[in-house]
Amino acid sequence: MAKVSIIVPIYNVEEYLPKCLDRLISQTIKDIEILDISDGSPDNSLDIIKKYAEKDNRIKCIEKENGGYGSVLKYAISNISSEYFLICDPDDWLAPEAIEKLYNIASEKQVDLVVGAKNLVYSDNEEIVYDASKNKNVNLKINALTVYNKENGVEKALFLTPSPHSKLYKTTLAKDIEFPHKVSFTDFLLYTVFLTKCQSFVYTDEALSYYLVDRPGNTMTDVKPKVFDYHATVFKSTMEQIENCQVKYMYSHMIDHLRYILKEYKYMPDVIAKKDKKDQIYQLVKLCQKHRVAINRESAIFPSRVALYNKLMLNPIIGKIFFNRFVR
């Protein structure tokens, strides 16, 4: 049995796939399996996977009907038996010792989750920008290589960035997570719901992955109207799966993510579409209003300006007025 399974969700990425796979098969840890899952990709990605699978039996070539990122995660997590798994998007790549270092931390510290820093890279230049993968909007200190558990703050992991980069998950804790299909951003759902089950984590400030920020078609940099449908679907599904959650800061994490969605909304160029999406986004605000007591109680983790913004937005009486005034 492999020590770590690497999930590679594939859709229209033939230009980037060889580099990603080359970095995976050359990892310093050899006891891994690589699940290359073509999600009905219409390009030549499947042919590329097959060629790699012929050369390296650790690569599993899997073809399925298109169901979106979440359907790939559900299929993969349901079928892997290794103790840990990691997701590597095919337009990104890993440092040579990334998986070995993440696995060694998880194994030696006996934790459910390891989160590392990452490097941001760009398609039009050779600049590499270090990203600590920490949320800069909160006043919580997370020390590198410290084991955080129920006693000393496992909930702090909520304020590490939820993208899949440099994250090693304990497989058994993710088996029953449900993912909506035909949408993006389900990596946010995975990370958030996983933390309702996670008992311990370690953060390392070493950058172990490379994230191509500006790939054409990258939903993280896309501001088309459909993106907000994705956000709304994933946000609602996440809220359903963390209902009545007792993890400290969980709903503060959700309102923080909602502010991110609102920031993206601000830059959407289609004025008519923005009007249509505004009510849709306010429905997400209403989901958070149910948890305003907990969010307000935890306001000290946010800068005072952000805490006040949250309080006004979540007020059941003036919240809609505030929303219409400041969300345009």
C-alpha atoms as a PDB file:
ATOM      1  CA  MET A   1       0.000   0.000   0.000  1.00  0.00           C
ATOM      2  CA  ALA A   2       1.262   3.475  -0.873  1.00  0.00           C
ATOM      3  CA  LYS A   3       1.964   5.827   2.014  1.00  0.00           C
ATOM      4  CA  VAL A   4       0.436   8.797   0.182  1.00  0.00           C
ATOM      5  CA  SER A   5      -2.044   9.113  -2.664  1.00  0.00           C
ATOM      6  CA  ILE A   6      -1.806  12.163  -4.901  1.00  0.00           C
ATOM      7  CA  ILE A   7      -5.046  13.236  -6.566  1.00  0.00           C
ATOM      8  CA  VAL A   8      -4.622  15.056  -9.880  1.00  0.00           C
ATOM      9  CA  PRO A   9      -7.983  16.409 -11.177  1.00  0.00           C
ATOM     10  CA  ILE A  10      -7.634  16.900 -14.925  1.00  0.00           C
ATOM     11  CA  TYR A  11      -9.685  19.010 -17.309  1.00  0.00           C
ATOM     12  CA  ASN A  12      -8.277  20.898 -20.323  1.00  0.00           C
ATOM     13  CA  VAL A  13      -4.728  21.166 -19.019  1.00  0.00           C
ATOM     14  CA  GLU A  14      -2.636  19.350 -21.632  1.00  0.00           C
ATOM     15  CA  GLU A  15      -0.183  22.266 -21.814  1.00  0.00           C
ATOM     16  CA  TYR A  16       0.686  22.025 -18.113  1.00  0.00           C
ATOM     17  CA  LEU A  17       0.238  18.334 -17.343  1.00  0.00           C
ATOM     18  CA  PRO A  18       3.689  16.958 -18.317  1.00  0.00           C
ATOM     19  CA  LYS A  19       5.535  19.324 -15.966  1.00  0.00           C
ATOM     20  CA  CYS A  20       3.199  18.444 -13.099  1.00  0.00           C
ATOM     21  CA  LEU A  21       3.599  14.692 -13.671  1.00  0.00           C
ATOM     22  CA  ASP A  22       7.369  14.912 -14.120  1.00  0.00           C
ATOM     23  CA  ARG A  23       7.612  16.577 -10.699  1.00  0.00           C
ATOM     24  CA  LEU A  24       5.378  13.938  -9.136  1.00  0.00           C
ATOM     25  CA  ILE A  25       7.199  10.854 -10.431  1.00  0.00           C
ATOM     26  CA  SER A  26      10.536  12.364  -9.395  1.00  0.00           C
ATOM     27  CA  GLN A  27       9.487  12.942  -5.774  1.00  0.00           C
ATOM     28  CA  THR A  28      12.099  11.792  -3.263  1.00  0.00           C
ATOM     29  CA  ILE A  29       9.540   9.539  -1.568  1.00  0.00           C
ATOM     30  CA  LYS A  30       8.813   6.625  -3.884  1.00  0.00           C
ATOM     31  CA  ASP A  31       6.019   4.838  -2.010  1.00  0.00           C
ATOM     32  CA  ILE A  32       3.188   6.865  -3.526  1.00  0.00           C
ATOM     33  CA  GLU A  33       0.339   6.418  -5.959  1.00  0.00           C
ATOM     34  CA  ILE A  34      -0.712   9.096  -8.424  1.00  0.00           C
ATOM     35  CA  LEU A  35      -4.397   9.172  -9.363  1.00  0.00           C
ATOM     36  CA  ASP A  36      -4.636  11.002 -12.676  1.00  0.00           C
ATOM     37  CA  ILE A  37      -8.362  11.503 -13.144  1.00  0.00           C
ATOM     38  CA  SER A  38      -9.566  12.860 -16.472  1.00  0.00           C
ATOM     39  CA  ASP A  39     -12.916  14.458 -15.733  1.00  0.00           C
ATOM     40  CA  GLY A  40     -14.239  14.050 -19.272  1.00  0.00           C
ATOM     41  CA  SER A  41     -11.441  16.298 -20.518  1.00  0.00           C
ATOM     42  CA  PRO A  42     -11.947  17.064 -24.240  1.00  0.00           C
ATOM     43  CA  ASP A  43      -8.282  17.794 -25.013  1.00  0.00           C
ATOM     44  CA  ASN A  44      -5.315  15.425 -25.255  1.00  0.00           C
ATOM     45  CA  SER A  45      -4.805  15.133 -21.501  1.00  0.00           C
ATOM     46  CA  LEU A  46      -5.951  11.508 -21.415  1.00  0.00           C
ATOM     47  CA  ASP A  47      -3.349  10.479 -24.018  1.00  0.00           C
ATOM     48  CA  ILE A  48      -0.653  12.166 -21.965  1.00  0.00           C
ATOM     49  CA  ILE A  49      -1.747  10.319 -18.817  1.00  0.00           C
ATOM     50  CA  LYS A  50      -1.726   6.972 -20.609  1.00  0.00           C
ATOM     51  CA  LYS A  51       1.840   7.489 -21.834  1.00  0.00           C
ATOM     52  CA  TYR A  52       3.029   8.310 -18.331  1.00  0.00           C
ATOM     53  CA  ALA A  53       1.141   5.336 -16.873  1.00  0.00           C
ATOM     54  CA  GLU A  54       2.935   2.998 -19.295  1.00  0.00           C
ATOM     55  CA  LYS A  55       6.289   4.163 -17.915  1.00  0.00           C
ATOM     56  CA  ASP A  56       5.431   4.324 -14.195  1.00  0.00           C
ATOM     57  CA  ASN A  57       3.092   1.832 -12.539  1.00  0.00           C
ATOM     58  CA  ARG A  58       2.451   4.222  -9.660  1.00  0.00           C
ATOM     59  CA  ILE A  59       0.345   6.298 -12.021  1.00  0.00           C
ATOM     60  CA  LYS A  60      -3.309   5.262 -12.240  1.00  0.00           C
ATOM     61  CA  CYS A  61      -5.005   6.485 -15.402  1.00  0.00           C
ATOM     62  CA  ILE A  62      -8.693   7.046 -14.665  1.00  0.00           C
ATOM     63  CA  GLU A  63     -11.308   8.368 -17.083  1.00  0.00           C
ATOM     64  CA  LYS A  64     -14.758   9.459 -15.951  1.00  0.00           C
ATOM     65  CA  GLU A  65     -17.664  11.482 -17.213  1.00  0.00           C
ATOM     66  CA  ASN A  66     -17.440  15.182 -16.524  1.00  0.00           C
ATOM     67  CA  GLY A  67     -18.792  16.007 -13.090  1.00  0.00           C
ATOM     68  CA  GLY A  68     -16.584  18.849 -11.944  1.00  0.00           C
ATOM     69  CA  TYR A  69     -13.805  19.188  -9.389  1.00  0.00           C
ATOM     70  CA  GLY A  70     -15.933  17.936  -6.506  1.00  0.00           C
ATOM     71  CA  SER A  71     -16.870  14.736  -8.319  1.00  0.00           C
ATOM     72  CA  VAL A  72     -13.177  14.006  -8.856  1.00  0.00           C
ATOM     73  CA  LEU A  73     -12.414  14.515  -5.168  1.00  0.00           C
ATOM     74  CA  LYS A  74     -15.320  12.300  -4.103  1.00  0.00           C
ATOM     75  CA  TYR A  75     -14.354   9.517  -6.502  1.00  0.00           C
ATOM     76  CA  ALA A  76     -10.711   9.617  -5.484  1.00  0.00           C
ATOM     77  CA  ILE A  77     -11.179   9.866  -1.720  1.00  0.00           C
ATOM     78  CA  SER A  78     -13.736   7.059  -1.798  1.00  0.00           C
ATOM     79  CA  ASN A  79     -11.318   4.743  -3.577  1.00  0.00           C
ATOM     80  CA  ILE A  80      -7.939   5.374  -2.002  1.00  0.00           C
ATOM     81  CA  SER A  81      -6.652   3.295   0.916  1.00  0.00           C
ATOM     82  CA  SER A  82      -3.396   5.074   1.747  1.00  0.00           C
ATOM     83  CA  GLU A  83      -3.175   6.749   5.144  1.00  0.00           C
ATOM     84  CA  TYR A  84      -2.776  10.237   3.685  1.00  0.00           C
ATOM     85  CA  PHE A  85      -3.634  12.026   0.483  1.00  0.00           C
ATOM     86  CA  LEU A  86      -2.636  15.231  -1.237  1.00  0.00           C
ATOM     87  CA  ILE A  87      -4.201  17.151  -4.123  1.00  0.00           C
ATOM     88  CA  CYS A  88      -2.023  18.570  -6.871  1.00  0.00           C
ATOM     89  CA  ASP A  89      -3.800  20.584  -9.545  1.00  0.00           C
ATOM     90  CA  PRO A  90      -2.188  19.848 -12.924  1.00  0.00           C
ATOM     91  CA  ASP A  91      -1.234  23.454 -13.640  1.00  0.00           C
ATOM     92  CA  ASP A  92       0.762  23.512 -10.389  1.00  0.00           C
ATOM     93  CA  TRP A  93       3.748  21.451  -9.274  1.00  0.00           C
ATOM     94  CA  LEU A  94       5.544  20.279  -6.153  1.00  0.00           C
ATOM     95  CA  ALA A  95       9.045  20.831  -4.833  1.00  0.00           C
ATOM     96  CA  PRO A  96      11.162  17.636  -5.169  1.00  0.00           C
ATOM     97  CA  GLU A  97      10.947  16.717  -1.465  1.00  0.00           C
ATOM     98  CA  ALA A  98       7.438  18.062  -0.864  1.00  0.00           C
ATOM     99  CA  ILE A  99       5.563  14.817  -0.244  1.00  0.00           C
ATOM    100  CA  GLU A 100       8.387  13.250   1.777  1.00  0.00           C
ATOM    101  CA  LYS A 101       8.602  16.286   4.061  1.00  0.00           C
ATOM    102  CA  LEU A 102       4.844  16.518   4.544  1.00  0.00           C
ATOM    103  CA  TYR A 103       4.569  12.777   5.201  1.00  0.00           C
ATOM    104  CA  ASN A 104       7.469  12.727   7.639  1.00  0.00           C
ATOM    105  CA  ILE A 105       5.907  15.548   9.643  1.00  0.00           C
ATOM    106  CA  ALA A 106       2.524  13.810   9.715  1.00  0.00           C
ATOM    107  CA  SER A 107       4.049  10.459  10.655  1.00  0.00           C
ATOM    108  CA  GLU A 108       6.481  11.712  13.288  1.00  0.00           C
ATOM    109  CA  LYS A 109       4.026  14.141  14.899  1.00  0.00           C
ATOM    110  CA  GLN A 110       1.036  11.772  14.490  1.00  0.00           C
ATOM    111  CA  VAL A 111      -1.303  14.491  13.212  1.00  0.00           C
ATOM    112  CA  ASP A 112      -4.350  14.491  10.943  1.00  0.00           C
ATOM    113  CA  LEU A 113      -3.289  17.414   8.760  1.00  0.00           C
ATOM    114  CA  VAL A 114      -0.084  19.094   7.616  1.00  0.00           C
ATOM    115  CA  VAL A 115      -0.190  22.471   5.870  1.00  0.00           C
ATOM    116  CA  GLY A 116       2.809  24.033   4.173  1.00  0.00           C
ATOM    117  CA  ALA A 117       3.597  27.356   2.593  1.00  0.00           C
ATOM    118  CA  LYS A 118       3.691  27.784  -1.188  1.00  0.00           C
ATOM    119  CA  ASN A 119       5.308  29.791  -3.960  1.00  0.00           C
ATOM    120  CA  LEU A 120       3.247  31.902  -6.347  1.00  0.00           C
ATOM    121  CA  VAL A 121       4.392  31.822  -9.976  1.00  0.00           C
ATOM    122  CA  TYR A 122       3.181  33.642 -13.062  1.00  0.00           C
ATOM    123  CA  SER A 123       2.946  32.703 -16.729  1.00  0.00           C
ATOM    124  CA  ASP A 124       4.379  35.949 -18.126  1.00  0.00           C
ATOM    125  CA  ASN A 125       7.574  36.185 -16.048  1.00  0.00           C
ATOM    126  CA  GLU A 126       9.944  34.138 -13.897  1.00  0.00           C
ATOM    127  CA  GLU A 127       9.099  35.846 -10.620  1.00  0.00           C
ATOM    128  CA  ILE A 128       8.532  33.572  -7.633  1.00  0.00           C
ATOM    129  CA  VAL A 129       6.660  35.058  -4.678  1.00  0.00           C
ATOM    130  CA  TYR A 130       6.671  33.337  -1.297  1.00  0.00           C
ATOM    131  CA  ASP A 131       3.208  32.878   0.250  1.00  0.00           C
ATOM    132  CA  ALA A 132       3.046  31.728   3.869  1.00  0.00           C
ATOM    133  CA  SER A 133      -0.505  30.377   3.268  1.00  0.00           C
ATOM    134  CA  LYS A 134      -1.720  32.273   6.319  1.00  0.00           C
ATOM    135  CA  ASN A 135      -4.775  34.494   6.516  1.00  0.00           C
ATOM    136  CA  LYS A 136      -3.461  38.016   7.068  1.00  0.00           C
ATOM    137  CA  ASN A 137      -6.845  39.320   8.253  1.00  0.00           C
ATOM    138  CA  VAL A 138      -6.832  37.584  11.621  1.00  0.00           C
ATOM    139  CA  ASN A 139      -4.911  38.102  14.834  1.00  0.00           C
ATOM    140  CA  LEU A 140      -3.959  34.478  15.476  1.00  0.00           C
ATOM    141  CA  LYS A 141      -0.367  33.312  15.665  1.00  0.00           C
ATOM    142  CA  ILE A 142       0.484  29.927  14.188  1.00  0.00           C
ATOM    143  CA  ASN A 143       4.018  28.687  14.836  1.00  0.00           C
ATOM    144  CA  ALA A 144       5.838  26.416  12.425  1.00  0.00           C
ATOM    145  CA  LEU A 145       6.284  22.746  13.387  1.00  0.00           C
ATOM    146  CA  THR A 146       4.131  23.082  16.497  1.00  0.00           C
ATOM    147  CA  VAL A 147       1.516  20.382  17.058  1.00  0.00           C
ATOM    148  CA  TYR A 148      -1.865  22.035  17.525  1.00  0.00           C
ATOM    149  CA  ASN A 149      -4.592  19.904  19.080  1.00  0.00           C
ATOM    150  CA  LYS A 150      -7.805  20.297  21.075  1.00  0.00           C
ATOM    151  CA  GLU A 151      -5.873  21.682  24.038  1.00  0.00           C
ATOM    152  CA  ASN A 152      -3.821  24.378  22.321  1.00  0.00           C
ATOM    153  CA  GLY A 153      -5.840  25.461  19.303  1.00  0.00           C
ATOM    154  CA  VAL A 154      -6.449  22.989  16.475  1.00  0.00           C
ATOM    155  CA  GLU A 155      -9.113  25.461  15.284  1.00  0.00           C
ATOM    156  CA  LYS A 156      -6.333  27.868  14.262  1.00  0.00           C
ATOM    157  CA  ALA A 157      -6.030  25.816  11.071  1.00  0.00           C
ATOM    158  CA  LEU A 158      -9.210  27.536   9.894  1.00  0.00           C
ATOM    159  CA  PHE A 159      -7.125  30.604   9.189  1.00  0.00           C
ATOM    160  CA  LEU A 160      -4.604  28.964   6.948  1.00  0.00           C
ATOM    161  CA  THR A 161      -5.605  29.385   3.310  1.00  0.00           C
ATOM    162  CA  PRO A 162      -7.944  26.572   2.153  1.00  0.00           C
ATOM    163  CA  SER A 163      -6.489  26.026  -1.338  1.00  0.00           C
ATOM    164  CA  PRO A 164      -5.120  22.503  -1.935  1.00  0.00           C
ATOM    165  CA  HIS A 165      -1.482  23.563  -2.152  1.00  0.00           C
ATOM    166  CA  SER A 166       0.943  21.869   0.252  1.00  0.00           C
ATOM    167  CA  LYS A 167      -1.762  20.088   2.243  1.00  0.00           C
ATOM    168  CA  LEU A 168      -1.578  16.496   3.438  1.00  0.00           C
ATOM    169  CA  TYR A 169      -4.884  15.056   4.692  1.00  0.00           C
ATOM    170  CA  LYS A 170      -5.573  11.952   6.758  1.00  0.00           C
ATOM    171  CA  THR A 171      -7.736   9.892   4.433  1.00  0.00           C
ATOM    172  CA  THR A 172     -10.198   8.320   6.878  1.00  0.00           C
ATOM    173  CA  LEU A 173     -11.431  11.732   8.083  1.00  0.00           C
ATOM    174  CA  ALA A 174     -12.448  12.789   4.578  1.00  0.00           C
ATOM    175  CA  LYS A 175     -14.311   9.654   3.498  1.00  0.00           C
ATOM    176  CA  ASP A 176     -17.841  10.882   4.258  1.00  0.00           C
ATOM    177  CA  ILE A 177     -17.506  14.467   3.005  1.00  0.00           C
ATOM    178  CA  GLU A 178     -20.022  15.264   0.267  1.00  0.00           C
ATOM    179  CA  PHE A 179     -19.173  17.434  -2.736  1.00  0.00           C
ATOM    180  CA  PRO A 180     -21.520  19.274  -5.109  1.00  0.00           C
ATOM    181  CA  HIS A 181     -20.898  18.487  -8.764  1.00  0.00           C
ATOM    182  CA  LYS A 182     -20.335  20.736 -11.769  1.00  0.00           C
ATOM    183  CA  VAL A 183     -18.807  23.544  -9.709  1.00  0.00           C
ATOM    184  CA  SER A 184     -15.373  24.802  -8.748  1.00  0.00           C
ATOM    185  CA  PHE A 185     -14.024  25.810  -5.291  1.00  0.00           C
ATOM    186  CA  THR A 186     -14.832  22.449  -3.691  1.00  0.00           C
ATOM    187  CA  ASP A 187     -11.304  22.428  -2.260  1.00  0.00           C
ATOM    188  CA  PHE A 188     -12.642  25.083   0.145  1.00  0.00           C
ATOM    189  CA  LEU A 189     -15.424  22.713   1.189  1.00  0.00           C
ATOM    190  CA  LEU A 190     -12.983  19.845   1.684  1.00  0.00           C
ATOM    191  CA  TYR A 191     -10.698  21.873   3.914  1.00  0.00           C
ATOM    192  CA  THR A 192     -13.500  23.420   5.971  1.00  0.00           C
ATOM    193  CA  VAL A 193     -15.521  20.257   6.590  1.00  0.00           C
ATOM    194  CA  PHE A 194     -12.342  18.261   7.244  1.00  0.00           C
ATOM    195  CA  LEU A 195     -11.542  20.648  10.095  1.00  0.00           C
ATOM    196  CA  THR A 196     -14.767  19.674  11.866  1.00  0.00           C
ATOM    197  CA  LYS A 197     -13.186  16.206  12.268  1.00  0.00           C
ATOM    198  CA  CYS A 198      -9.506  17.100  12.558  1.00  0.00           C
ATOM    199  CA  GLN A 199      -7.948  16.546  15.986  1.00  0.00           C
ATOM    200  CA  SER A 200      -4.449  17.862  15.288  1.00  0.00           C
ATOM    201  CA  PHE A 201      -2.382  19.682  12.684  1.00  0.00           C
ATOM    202  CA  VAL A 202       1.099  21.028  12.024  1.00  0.00           C
ATOM    203  CA  TYR A 203       2.060  24.021   9.903  1.00  0.00           C
ATOM    204  CA  THR A 204       5.408  24.299   8.132  1.00  0.00           C
ATOM    205  CA  ASP A 205       6.607  27.608   6.741  1.00  0.00           C
ATOM    206  CA  GLU A 206       8.630  25.896   4.034  1.00  0.00           C
ATOM    207  CA  ALA A 207       7.209  26.493   0.542  1.00  0.00           C
ATOM    208  CA  LEU A 208       6.568  23.024  -0.866  1.00  0.00           C
ATOM    209  CA  SER A 209       4.375  23.741  -3.889  1.00  0.00           C
ATOM    210  CA  TYR A 210       4.220  26.119  -6.819  1.00  0.00           C
ATOM    211  CA  TYR A 211       0.888  27.722  -7.659  1.00  0.00           C
ATOM    212  CA  LEU A 212       0.411  29.105 -11.187  1.00  0.00           C
ATOM    213  CA  VAL A 213      -1.792  32.071 -10.348  1.00  0.00           C
ATOM    214  CA  ASP A 214      -2.719  33.447 -13.754  1.00  0.00           C
ATOM    215  CA  ARG A 215      -3.485  30.437 -15.950  1.00  0.00           C
ATOM    216  CA  PRO A 216      -6.195  31.351 -18.481  1.00  0.00           C
ATOM    217  CA  GLY A 217      -9.473  29.827 -17.265  1.00  0.00           C
ATOM    218  CA  ASN A 218      -8.324  29.595 -13.655  1.00  0.00           C
ATOM    219  CA  THR A 219     -11.519  30.082 -11.618  1.00  0.00           C
ATOM    220  CA  MET A 220      -9.512  31.750  -8.858  1.00  0.00           C
ATOM    221  CA  THR A 221      -8.863  34.692 -11.203  1.00  0.00           C
ATOM    222  CA  ASP A 222     -12.135  34.503 -13.140  1.00  0.00           C
ATOM    223  CA  VAL A 223     -14.901  37.027 -12.442  1.00  0.00           C
ATOM    224  CA  LYS A 224     -17.598  35.689 -14.778  1.00  0.00           C
ATOM    225  CA  PRO A 225     -21.165  35.416 -13.406  1.00  0.00           C
ATOM    226  CA  LYS A 226     -20.987  31.607 -13.278  1.00  0.00           C
ATOM    227  CA  VAL A 227     -18.186  31.889 -10.743  1.00  0.00           C
ATOM    228  CA  PHE A 228     -20.626  33.307  -8.216  1.00  0.00           C
ATOM    229  CA  ASP A 229     -22.986  30.415  -8.811  1.00  0.00           C
ATOM    230  CA  TYR A 230     -20.066  28.149  -7.921  1.00  0.00           C
ATOM    231  CA  HIS A 231     -19.283  30.175  -4.809  1.00  0.00           C
ATOM    232  CA  ALA A 232     -22.915  30.124  -3.679  1.00  0.00           C
ATOM    233  CA  THR A 233     -23.314  26.374  -4.226  1.00  0.00           C
ATOM    234  CA  VAL A 234     -20.115  25.514  -2.365  1.00  0.00           C
ATOM    235  CA  PHE A 235     -20.849  27.979   0.455  1.00  0.00           C
ATOM    236  CA  LYS A 236     -24.332  26.534   0.993  1.00  0.00           C
ATOM    237  CA  SER A 237     -23.105  22.942   0.878  1.00  0.00           C
ATOM    238  CA  THR A 238     -20.360  23.750   3.363  1.00  0.00           C
ATOM    239  CA  MET A 239     -22.805  25.424   5.743  1.00  0.00           C
ATOM    240  CA  GLU A 240     -25.081  22.385   5.563  1.00  0.00           C
ATOM    241  CA  GLN A 241     -22.226  20.028   6.459  1.00  0.00           C
ATOM    242  CA  ILE A 242     -20.991  22.141   9.388  1.00  0.00           C
ATOM    243  CA  GLU A 243     -24.466  22.778  10.825  1.00  0.00           C
ATOM    244  CA  ASN A 244     -24.364  22.936  14.626  1.00  0.00           C
ATOM    245  CA  CYS A 245     -20.583  22.735  14.521  1.00  0.00           C
ATOM    246  CA  GLN A 246     -18.935  23.409  17.896  1.00  0.00           C
ATOM    247  CA  VAL A 247     -15.456  24.143  16.531  1.00  0.00           C
ATOM    248  CA  LYS A 248     -14.317  27.557  17.712  1.00  0.00           C
ATOM    249  CA  TYR A 249     -13.944  30.155  14.940  1.00  0.00           C
ATOM    250  CA  MET A 250     -15.745  27.965  12.374  1.00  0.00           C
ATOM    251  CA  TYR A 251     -18.430  30.525  11.531  1.00  0.00           C
ATOM    252  CA  SER A 252     -15.934  33.378  11.770  1.00  0.00           C
ATOM    253  CA  HIS A 253     -14.019  31.476   9.103  1.00  0.00           C
ATOM    254  CA  MET A 254     -17.174  31.347   6.980  1.00  0.00           C
ATOM    255  CA  ILE A 255     -17.913  35.075   7.268  1.00  0.00           C
ATOM    256  CA  ASP A 256     -14.278  35.744   6.399  1.00  0.00           C
ATOM    257  CA  HIS A 257     -14.699  33.654   3.259  1.00  0.00           C
ATOM    258  CA  LEU A 258     -17.899  35.514   2.451  1.00  0.00           C
ATOM    259  CA  ARG A 259     -15.963  38.788   2.528  1.00  0.00           C
ATOM    260  CA  TYR A 260     -13.606  37.229  -0.021  1.00  0.00           C
ATOM    261  CA  ILE A 261     -16.587  36.407  -2.270  1.00  0.00           C
ATOM    262  CA  LEU A 262     -17.834  39.994  -1.928  1.00  0.00           C
ATOM    263  CA  LYS A 263     -14.414  41.286  -2.896  1.00  0.00           C
ATOM    264  CA  GLU A 264     -14.489  39.168  -6.039  1.00  0.00           C
ATOM    265  CA  TYR A 265     -18.010  40.406  -6.774  1.00  0.00           C
ATOM    266  CA  LYS A 266     -16.764  43.988  -6.667  1.00  0.00           C
ATOM    267  CA  TYR A 267     -14.531  43.366  -9.685  1.00  0.00           C
ATOM    268  CA  MET A 268     -17.076  41.599 -11.857  1.00  0.00           C
ATOM    269  CA  PRO A 269     -17.346  43.778 -14.999  1.00  0.00           C
ATOM    270  CA  ASP A 270     -20.877  42.828 -16.105  1.00  0.00           C
ATOM    271  CA  VAL A 271     -23.156  45.389 -14.413  1.00  0.00           C
ATOM    272  CA  ILE A 272     -26.395  43.584 -15.341  1.00  0.00           C
ATOM    273  CA  ALA A 273     -25.079  40.255 -14.079  1.00  0.00           C
ATOM    274  CA  LYS A 274     -23.908  41.899 -10.861  1.00  0.00           C
ATOM    275  CA  LYS A 275     -27.457  43.041 -10.152  1.00  0.00           C
ATOM    276  CA  ASP A 276     -28.714  39.481 -10.596  1.00  0.00           C
ATOM    277  CA  LYS A 277     -26.008  38.034  -8.364  1.00  0.00           C
ATOM    278  CA  LYS A 278     -26.431  40.568  -5.571  1.00  0.00           C
ATOM    279  CA  ASP A 279     -29.554  38.922  -4.129  1.00  0.00           C
ATOM    280  CA  GLN A 280     -27.914  35.524  -4.490  1.00  0.00           C
ATOM    281  CA  ILE A 281     -24.962  36.670  -2.411  1.00  0.00           C
ATOM    282  CA  TYR A 282     -27.203  38.212   0.229  1.00  0.00           C
ATOM    283  CA  GLN A 283     -28.711  34.779   0.772  1.00  0.00           C
ATOM    284  CA  LEU A 284     -25.242  33.713   1.883  1.00  0.00           C
ATOM    285  CA  VAL A 285     -25.178  36.615   4.331  1.00  0.00           C
ATOM    286  CA  LYS A 286     -28.441  35.353   5.795  1.00  0.00           C
ATOM    287  CA  LEU A 287     -26.877  31.939   6.355  1.00  0.00           C
ATOM    288  CA  CYS A 288     -24.163  33.617   8.416  1.00  0.00           C
ATOM    289  CA  GLN A 289     -26.665  35.750  10.327  1.00  0.00           C
ATOM    290  CA  LYS A 290     -27.824  32.594  12.103  1.00  0.00           C
ATOM    291  CA  HIS A 291     -24.400  32.439  13.717  1.00  0.00           C
ATOM    292  CA  ARG A 292     -23.907  36.132  14.465  1.00  0.00           C
ATOM    293  CA  VAL A 293     -23.639  35.554  18.221  1.00  0.00           C
ATOM    294  CA  ALA A 294     -20.627  33.278  17.822  1.00  0.00           C
ATOM    295  CA  ILE A 295     -19.048  35.522  15.189  1.00  0.00           C
ATOM    296  CA  ASN A 296     -19.478  38.658  17.298  1.00  0.00           C
ATOM    297  CA  ARG A 297     -18.115  36.835  20.350  1.00  0.00           C
ATOM    298  CA  GLU A 298     -14.967  35.995  18.388  1.00  0.00           C
ATOM    299  CA  SER A 299     -14.592  39.491  16.908  1.00  0.00           C
ATOM    300  CA  ALA A 300     -11.242  40.084  18.643  1.00  0.00           C
ATOM    301  CA  ILE A 301      -9.471  37.901  16.085  1.00  0.00           C
ATOM    302  CA  PHE A 302     -10.327  40.430  13.365  1.00  0.00           C
ATOM    303  CA  PRO A 303      -9.073  43.999  12.946  1.00  0.00           C
ATOM    304  CA  SER A 304     -11.596  46.427  14.489  1.00  0.00           C
ATOM    305  CA  ARG A 305     -12.698  47.663  11.074  1.00  0.00           C
ATOM    306  CA  VAL A 306     -13.495  44.135   9.915  1.00  0.00           C
ATOM    307  CA  ALA A 307     -15.218  43.246  13.202  1.00  0.00           C
ATOM    308  CA  LEU A 308     -17.490  46.286  12.861  1.00  0.00           C
ATOM    309  CA  TYR A 309     -18.245  45.401   9.228  1.00  0.00           C
ATOM    310  CA  ASN A 310     -19.241  41.885  10.298  1.00  0.00           C
ATOM    311  CA  LYS A 311     -21.441  43.144  13.102  1.00  0.00           C
ATOM    312  CA  LEU A 312     -23.354  45.533  10.847  1.00  0.00           C
ATOM    313  CA  MET A 313     -23.678  43.003   8.030  1.00  0.00           C
ATOM    314  CA  LEU A 314     -25.010  40.306  10.329  1.00  0.00           C
ATOM    315  CA  ASN A 315     -27.494  42.494  12.182  1.00  0.00           C
ATOM    316  CA  PRO A 316     -30.956  41.054  11.345  1.00  0.00           C
ATOM    317  CA  ILE A 317     -32.541  44.531  11.363  1.00  0.00           C
ATOM    318  CA  ILE A 318     -30.088  46.784   9.558  1.00  0.00           C
ATOM    319  CA  GLY A 319     -28.054  44.117   7.759  1.00  0.00           C
ATOM    320  CA  LYS A 320     -29.912  44.373   4.441  1.00  0.00           C
ATOM    321  CA  ILE A 321     -29.646  48.184   4.455  1.00  0.00           C
ATOM    322  CA  PHE A 322     -25.924  47.957   5.179  1.00  0.00           C
ATOM    323  CA  PHE A 323     -25.456  45.317   2.469  1.00  0.00           C
ATOM    324  CA  ASN A 324     -27.235  47.389  -0.190  1.00  0.00           C
ATOM    325  CA  ARG A 325     -25.267  50.472   0.792  1.00  0.00           C
ATOM    326  CA  PHE A 326     -21.784  48.976   0.697  1.00  0.00           C
ATOM    327  CA  VAL A 327     -22.075  46.095  -1.767  1.00  0.00           C
ATOM    328  CA  ARG A 328     -22.219  47.503  -5.283  1.00  0.00           C
END
